[in-house]
Amino acid sequence: MNKFVVFQLESEQYAVPVSHVISIEKMAAPTVVPQMPDYVAGVVRIRGELVPVLDTRTLLYGRPFEETDKTRLVVTATEDISVAFIVDEAKEILDIPEESVKQVNMLAYRQTPYFIGIASLPERLITLIDPNQLFENLEGAQAIKEHIHSQQ
């Protein structure tokens, strides 16, 4: 069994391993940083640390997020810095049995190495994401790290 934080993004459910999640926060207005990629909503301070806020909807669907009272920040640890992903709603923490995780060998998934599998559960499918891989594969990730480190 592996624990995952499940979140909603548009009509789909995604999950990241609990081991990567630092916290789930209410949406806070990020401070915009000029010259950053369009998927960077800005930065917020969480527990004294400057954290880049990434628009997950822009990353996966090419459309900006729409804030509601359920919008949350899923703050995750990557190798170098903490990163907050904007999600439509944080749903639950779920135990997903390893035998329920299927590898999908479609071309699109090879182009998105951060999708680590699909949890095939009786009532739903959940796409599993490695947040570290997602961040590391972003164009501009190095510039974001450098900006955050220069501000600390």
Protein backbone atom coordinates (compact mmCIF):
# COMPACT_ATOMS: atom_id res chain seq x y z
CA MET A 1 0.00 0.00 0.00
CA ASN A 2 1.20 3.46 -0.84
CA LYS A 3 -0.38 6.65 0.44
CA PHE A 4 -1.22 9.39 -2.05
CA VAL A 5 -2.77 12.85 -1.83
CA VAL A 6 -5.60 12.88 -4.37
CA PHE A 7 -6.63 16.14 -6.01
CA GLN A 8 -9.08 17.28 -8.64
CA LEU A 9 -8.05 19.19 -11.76
CA GLU A 10 -10.90 19.93 -14.13
CA SER A 11 -12.82 16.62 -14.41
CA GLU A 12 -9.81 14.39 -13.71
CA GLN A 13 -8.29 13.09 -10.49
CA TYR A 14 -4.55 13.03 -9.93
CA ALA A 15 -2.42 11.98 -6.99
CA VAL A 16 1.07 12.58 -5.67
CA PRO A 17 2.84 10.38 -3.12
CA VAL A 18 2.32 11.57 0.45
CA SER A 19 6.09 11.29 0.93
CA HIS A 20 6.52 14.31 -1.39
CA VAL A 21 3.79 16.47 0.19
CA ILE A 22 4.78 19.06 2.77
CA SER A 23 1.33 20.57 3.25
CA ILE A 24 -1.96 21.51 1.65
CA GLU A 25 -2.73 25.21 1.94
CA LYS A 26 -5.65 27.46 1.15
CA MET A 27 -5.03 29.45 -2.00
CA ALA A 28 -3.06 32.61 -1.24
CA ALA A 29 -2.53 35.37 -3.78
CA PRO A 30 0.98 34.78 -5.12
CA THR A 31 3.39 37.67 -5.67
CA VAL A 32 4.02 37.85 -9.41
CA VAL A 33 7.63 37.50 -10.53
CA PRO A 34 8.38 39.18 -13.88
CA GLN A 35 10.03 37.22 -16.70
CA MET A 36 8.90 33.81 -15.42
CA PRO A 37 7.21 31.19 -17.65
CA ASP A 38 3.42 31.45 -18.00
CA TYR A 39 2.85 28.42 -15.77
CA VAL A 40 4.41 30.25 -12.78
CA ALA A 41 1.67 32.14 -10.95
CA GLY A 42 4.24 33.74 -8.65
CA VAL A 43 5.67 33.01 -5.22
CA VAL A 44 4.19 32.73 -1.73
CA ARG A 45 5.80 32.50 1.69
CA ILE A 46 4.91 29.29 3.49
CA ARG A 47 6.35 28.72 6.96
CA GLY A 48 9.03 31.31 6.29
CA GLU A 49 10.13 29.74 2.98
CA LEU A 50 9.69 31.32 -0.44
CA VAL A 51 7.79 28.83 -2.61
CA PRO A 52 7.10 29.11 -6.36
CA VAL A 53 3.43 28.58 -7.24
CA LEU A 54 2.85 26.57 -10.41
CA ASP A 55 -0.44 26.64 -12.30
CA THR A 56 -1.06 22.93 -12.73
CA ARG A 57 -3.98 23.53 -15.09
CA THR A 58 -1.72 25.54 -17.43
CA LEU A 59 0.93 22.79 -17.24
CA LEU A 60 -1.43 19.91 -18.07
CA TYR A 61 -4.23 21.54 -20.07
CA GLY A 62 -2.80 24.80 -21.42
CA ARG A 63 -5.47 26.90 -19.67
CA PRO A 64 -5.08 29.08 -16.56
CA PHE A 65 -6.66 28.08 -13.26
CA GLU A 66 -9.94 29.58 -12.09
CA GLU A 67 -9.91 30.21 -8.37
CA THR A 68 -12.84 28.98 -6.28
CA ASP A 69 -13.29 28.52 -2.54
CA LYS A 70 -12.02 24.93 -3.00
CA THR A 71 -8.77 25.91 -4.79
CA ARG A 72 -5.74 24.68 -2.85
CA LEU A 73 -1.97 24.70 -3.00
CA VAL A 74 -0.37 21.26 -2.73
CA VAL A 75 3.12 22.07 -1.44
CA THR A 76 5.64 19.42 -2.42
CA ALA A 77 9.34 18.85 -1.88
CA THR A 78 11.51 18.50 -4.97
CA GLU A 79 15.24 17.76 -4.85
CA ASP A 80 16.24 21.42 -4.48
CA ILE A 81 13.25 23.50 -3.44
CA SER A 82 9.63 23.32 -2.30
CA VAL A 83 7.04 23.92 -5.03
CA ALA A 84 3.30 24.61 -4.70
CA PHE A 85 0.92 23.23 -7.31
CA ILE A 86 -2.45 24.96 -7.73
CA VAL A 87 -5.24 22.36 -7.79
CA ASP A 88 -9.00 22.76 -8.13
CA GLU A 89 -9.63 20.75 -4.98
CA ALA A 90 -7.64 18.55 -2.59
CA LYS A 91 -9.82 15.47 -2.21
CA GLU A 92 -8.32 12.97 0.22
CA ILE A 93 -5.38 10.89 1.33
CA LEU A 94 -5.80 7.44 -0.15
CA ASP A 95 -4.06 4.08 0.25
CA ILE A 96 -3.49 2.73 -3.25
CA PRO A 97 -2.44 -0.93 -3.45
CA GLU A 98 0.58 -1.48 -5.71
CA GLU A 99 -1.32 -4.09 -7.73
CA SER A 100 -3.87 -1.38 -8.66
CA VAL A 101 -1.19 0.78 -10.33
CA LYS A 102 -0.94 0.15 -14.05
CA GLN A 103 1.78 1.40 -16.34
CA VAL A 104 0.42 3.01 -19.47
CA ASN A 105 2.79 2.64 -22.41
CA MET A 106 1.19 5.18 -24.69
CA LEU A 107 3.32 7.66 -26.64
CA ALA A 108 1.88 10.60 -24.71
CA TYR A 109 3.08 9.07 -21.45
CA ARG A 110 6.61 8.66 -22.76
CA GLN A 111 6.58 12.39 -23.46
CA THR A 112 5.42 13.02 -19.89
CA PRO A 113 7.79 11.02 -17.66
CA TYR A 114 6.23 12.55 -14.54
CA PHE A 115 3.13 10.34 -14.97
CA ILE A 116 4.19 7.31 -12.95
CA GLY A 117 1.08 5.22 -13.58
CA ILE A 118 -2.68 5.01 -13.39
CA ALA A 119 -4.40 3.75 -10.25
CA SER A 120 -7.20 1.55 -11.53
CA LEU A 121 -9.66 1.47 -8.65
CA PRO A 122 -13.15 -0.08 -8.77
CA GLU A 123 -14.97 3.26 -8.96
CA ARG A 124 -12.37 5.54 -10.62
CA LEU A 125 -9.06 6.03 -12.36
CA ILE A 126 -6.41 8.30 -10.80
CA THR A 127 -3.32 9.47 -12.66
CA LEU A 128 -0.24 9.30 -10.42
CA ILE A 129 2.32 12.09 -10.70
CA ASP A 130 5.88 12.36 -9.45
CA PRO A 131 6.04 16.08 -8.51
CA ASN A 132 9.85 16.11 -8.59
CA GLN A 133 9.89 14.76 -12.16
CA LEU A 134 7.16 17.20 -13.18
CA PHE A 135 9.12 20.19 -11.90
CA GLU A 136 12.49 18.98 -13.23
CA ASN A 137 11.02 18.48 -16.73
CA LEU A 138 9.65 22.02 -16.95
CA GLU A 139 11.25 24.47 -19.30
CA GLY A 140 12.65 27.17 -17.02
CA ALA A 141 12.95 25.01 -13.88
CA GLN A 142 16.59 26.04 -13.44
CA ALA A 143 15.71 29.76 -13.65
CA ILE A 144 12.99 29.27 -11.02
CA LYS A 145 15.45 27.52 -8.68
CA GLU A 146 18.02 30.26 -9.15
CA HIS A 147 15.46 32.98 -8.43
CA ILE A 148 14.24 31.23 -5.27
CA HIS A 149 17.79 30.59 -4.01
CA SER A 150 18.74 34.24 -4.64
CA GLN A 151 15.77 35.40 -2.51
CA GLN A 152 16.33 33.11 0.48
